[in-house]
Amino acid sequence: MDALVIVLAVLSVWRVVHLIAKEDGPFYVFGRLREFAGVRYASGTEEFVADTMIGNLLLCPLCLSVWFAIPPAVILATGVFQGFICWLGISGGASLLELMYGGGKEE
């Protein structure tokens, strides 16, 4: 497995996760997705709160990275053990990037 492919997988997962959790996206697509899932602004603050479990998932980049790391891990891995390690590695790398550059600490 090429290291460049793993790095690109981590960057790709981080970008998609950050886009869904923190940005509105083109034409407010991801903002509408979060609103549909029960995410709203907390009264008197600039912070989001969620009324549903799906809404909470969409607000958590670290949670999303676990799920969005599965497809690249399945594609890149040649066995079950390698797939499991690849899955955790891609998710961990995306989580590390989010914590370093995502614009806020996780709770």
C-alpha atoms as a PDB file:
ATOM      1  CA  MET A   1       0.000   0.000   0.000  1.00  0.00           C
ATOM      2  CA  ASP A   2       1.462   3.331  -1.060  1.00  0.00           C
ATOM      3  CA  ALA A   3       1.943   5.982   1.654  1.00  0.00           C
ATOM      4  CA  LEU A   4       0.754   8.707  -0.711  1.00  0.00           C
ATOM      5  CA  VAL A   5      -2.575   6.930  -1.164  1.00  0.00           C
ATOM      6  CA  ILE A   6      -3.046   6.709   2.614  1.00  0.00           C
ATOM      7  CA  VAL A   7      -2.231  10.410   3.040  1.00  0.00           C
ATOM      8  CA  LEU A   8      -4.693  11.306   0.281  1.00  0.00           C
ATOM      9  CA  ALA A   9      -7.356   9.095   1.898  1.00  0.00           C
ATOM     10  CA  VAL A  10      -6.853  10.851   5.252  1.00  0.00           C
ATOM     11  CA  LEU A  11      -7.035  14.293   3.627  1.00  0.00           C
ATOM     12  CA  SER A  12     -10.126  13.320   1.647  1.00  0.00           C
ATOM     13  CA  VAL A  13     -11.964  11.980   4.677  1.00  0.00           C
ATOM     14  CA  TRP A  14     -11.037  15.062   6.708  1.00  0.00           C
ATOM     15  CA  ARG A  15     -12.243  17.423   3.971  1.00  0.00           C
ATOM     16  CA  VAL A  16     -15.613  15.712   3.565  1.00  0.00           C
ATOM     17  CA  VAL A  17     -16.143  15.426   7.321  1.00  0.00           C
ATOM     18  CA  HIS A  18     -15.218  19.077   7.907  1.00  0.00           C
ATOM     19  CA  LEU A  19     -17.492  20.162   5.067  1.00  0.00           C
ATOM     20  CA  ILE A  20     -20.482  18.284   6.491  1.00  0.00           C
ATOM     21  CA  ALA A  21     -19.944  19.193  10.151  1.00  0.00           C
ATOM     22  CA  LYS A  22     -18.715  22.783   9.980  1.00  0.00           C
ATOM     23  CA  GLU A  23     -19.482  24.379   6.620  1.00  0.00           C
ATOM     24  CA  ASP A  24     -22.679  25.190   4.766  1.00  0.00           C
ATOM     25  CA  GLY A  25     -21.355  24.000   1.416  1.00  0.00           C
ATOM     26  CA  PRO A  26     -22.278  25.165  -2.043  1.00  0.00           C
ATOM     27  CA  PHE A  27     -25.852  26.402  -2.317  1.00  0.00           C
ATOM     28  CA  TYR A  28     -26.259  25.795   1.466  1.00  0.00           C
ATOM     29  CA  VAL A  29     -26.535  22.026   0.817  1.00  0.00           C
ATOM     30  CA  PHE A  30     -24.928  20.896   4.069  1.00  0.00           C
ATOM     31  CA  GLY A  31     -26.596  23.651   6.076  1.00  0.00           C
ATOM     32  CA  ARG A  32     -29.971  22.350   4.899  1.00  0.00           C
ATOM     33  CA  LEU A  33     -28.912  18.775   5.659  1.00  0.00           C
ATOM     34  CA  ARG A  34     -28.080  19.768   9.245  1.00  0.00           C
ATOM     35  CA  GLU A  35     -31.357  21.688   9.586  1.00  0.00           C
ATOM     36  CA  PHE A  36     -33.285  18.666   8.307  1.00  0.00           C
ATOM     37  CA  ALA A  37     -31.510  16.529  10.927  1.00  0.00           C
ATOM     38  CA  GLY A  38     -32.638  18.830  13.739  1.00  0.00           C
ATOM     39  CA  VAL A  39     -29.604  21.092  14.107  1.00  0.00           C
ATOM     40  CA  ARG A  40     -30.258  24.715  15.005  1.00  0.00           C
ATOM     41  CA  TYR A  41     -28.490  27.706  16.517  1.00  0.00           C
ATOM     42  CA  ALA A  42     -28.664  27.885  20.300  1.00  0.00           C
ATOM     43  CA  SER A  43     -30.568  30.995  21.359  1.00  0.00           C
ATOM     44  CA  GLY A  44     -28.260  33.896  22.104  1.00  0.00           C
ATOM     45  CA  THR A  45     -25.097  32.155  20.858  1.00  0.00           C
ATOM     46  CA  GLU A  46     -23.269  31.348  17.662  1.00  0.00           C
ATOM     47  CA  GLU A  47     -23.151  27.631  18.537  1.00  0.00           C
ATOM     48  CA  PHE A  48     -25.148  24.797  17.036  1.00  0.00           C
ATOM     49  CA  VAL A  49     -27.239  22.385  19.077  1.00  0.00           C
ATOM     50  CA  ALA A  50     -28.982  19.253  17.887  1.00  0.00           C
ATOM     51  CA  ASP A  51     -32.371  17.839  18.832  1.00  0.00           C
ATOM     52  CA  THR A  52     -31.746  14.374  17.362  1.00  0.00           C
ATOM     53  CA  MET A  53     -29.095  11.663  17.415  1.00  0.00           C
ATOM     54  CA  ILE A  54     -28.445  12.162  13.694  1.00  0.00           C
ATOM     55  CA  GLY A  55     -28.087  15.893  14.295  1.00  0.00           C
ATOM     56  CA  ASN A  56     -25.505  15.232  17.009  1.00  0.00           C
ATOM     57  CA  LEU A  57     -23.629  12.946  14.624  1.00  0.00           C
ATOM     58  CA  LEU A  58     -23.592  15.633  11.929  1.00  0.00           C
ATOM     59  CA  LEU A  59     -22.119  18.142  14.395  1.00  0.00           C
ATOM     60  CA  CYS A  60     -19.285  15.832  15.487  1.00  0.00           C
ATOM     61  CA  PRO A  61     -16.402  15.698  12.997  1.00  0.00           C
ATOM     62  CA  LEU A  62     -14.621  13.037  15.028  1.00  0.00           C
ATOM     63  CA  CYS A  63     -17.720  10.815  14.963  1.00  0.00           C
ATOM     64  CA  LEU A  64     -18.226  11.370  11.247  1.00  0.00           C
ATOM     65  CA  SER A  65     -14.611  10.475  10.508  1.00  0.00           C
ATOM     66  CA  VAL A  66     -15.157   6.976  11.924  1.00  0.00           C
ATOM     67  CA  TRP A  67     -17.945   6.336   9.422  1.00  0.00           C
ATOM     68  CA  PHE A  68     -16.443   8.129   6.433  1.00  0.00           C
ATOM     69  CA  ALA A  69     -13.149   6.256   6.820  1.00  0.00           C
ATOM     70  CA  ILE A  70     -14.806   2.897   6.129  1.00  0.00           C
ATOM     71  CA  PRO A  71     -15.095   3.152   2.287  1.00  0.00           C
ATOM     72  CA  PRO A  72     -11.437   4.086   1.646  1.00  0.00           C
ATOM     73  CA  ALA A  73     -10.275   1.445   4.125  1.00  0.00           C
ATOM     74  CA  VAL A  74     -12.309  -1.225   2.341  1.00  0.00           C
ATOM     75  CA  ILE A  75     -10.957  -0.121  -1.030  1.00  0.00           C
ATOM     76  CA  LEU A  76      -7.318   0.067   0.084  1.00  0.00           C
ATOM     77  CA  ALA A  77      -7.063  -3.014   2.284  1.00  0.00           C
ATOM     78  CA  THR A  78      -6.333  -6.519   1.082  1.00  0.00           C
ATOM     79  CA  GLY A  79      -7.449  -8.358   4.220  1.00  0.00           C
ATOM     80  CA  VAL A  80      -9.656  -8.016   7.269  1.00  0.00           C
ATOM     81  CA  PHE A  81      -6.877  -7.111   9.700  1.00  0.00           C
ATOM     82  CA  GLN A  82      -5.332  -4.632   7.278  1.00  0.00           C
ATOM     83  CA  GLY A  83      -8.776  -3.143   6.653  1.00  0.00           C
ATOM     84  CA  PHE A  84      -9.381  -2.685  10.373  1.00  0.00           C
ATOM     85  CA  ILE A  85      -5.998  -1.015  10.888  1.00  0.00           C
ATOM     86  CA  CYS A  86      -6.469   1.129   7.773  1.00  0.00           C
ATOM     87  CA  TRP A  87      -9.950   2.164   8.946  1.00  0.00           C
ATOM     88  CA  LEU A  88      -8.696   3.287  12.358  1.00  0.00           C
ATOM     89  CA  GLY A  89      -5.640   4.956  10.846  1.00  0.00           C
ATOM     90  CA  ILE A  90      -7.600   6.984   8.306  1.00  0.00           C
ATOM     91  CA  SER A  91     -10.168   7.978  10.934  1.00  0.00           C
ATOM     92  CA  GLY A  92      -7.444   8.862  13.430  1.00  0.00           C
ATOM     93  CA  GLY A  93      -5.568  10.939  10.883  1.00  0.00           C
ATOM     94  CA  ALA A  94      -8.703  12.821   9.892  1.00  0.00           C
ATOM     95  CA  SER A  95      -9.530  13.391  13.575  1.00  0.00           C
ATOM     96  CA  LEU A  96      -6.024  14.680  14.237  1.00  0.00           C
ATOM     97  CA  LEU A  97      -6.320  17.120  11.335  1.00  0.00           C
ATOM     98  CA  GLU A  98      -9.705  18.287  12.626  1.00  0.00           C
ATOM     99  CA  LEU A  99      -8.334  18.898  16.109  1.00  0.00           C
ATOM    100  CA  MET A 100      -5.299  20.722  14.728  1.00  0.00           C
ATOM    101  CA  TYR A 101      -6.928  22.766  11.979  1.00  0.00           C
ATOM    102  CA  GLY A 102     -10.691  22.441  12.392  1.00  0.00           C
ATOM    103  CA  GLY A 103     -11.260  25.697  14.177  1.00  0.00           C
ATOM    104  CA  GLY A 104     -12.295  24.521  17.624  1.00  0.00           C
ATOM    105  CA  LYS A 105     -11.815  21.876  20.233  1.00  0.00           C
ATOM    106  CA  GLU A 106     -14.147  18.922  20.619  1.00  0.00           C
ATOM    107  CA  GLU A 107     -16.135  18.225  23.738  1.00  0.00           C
END
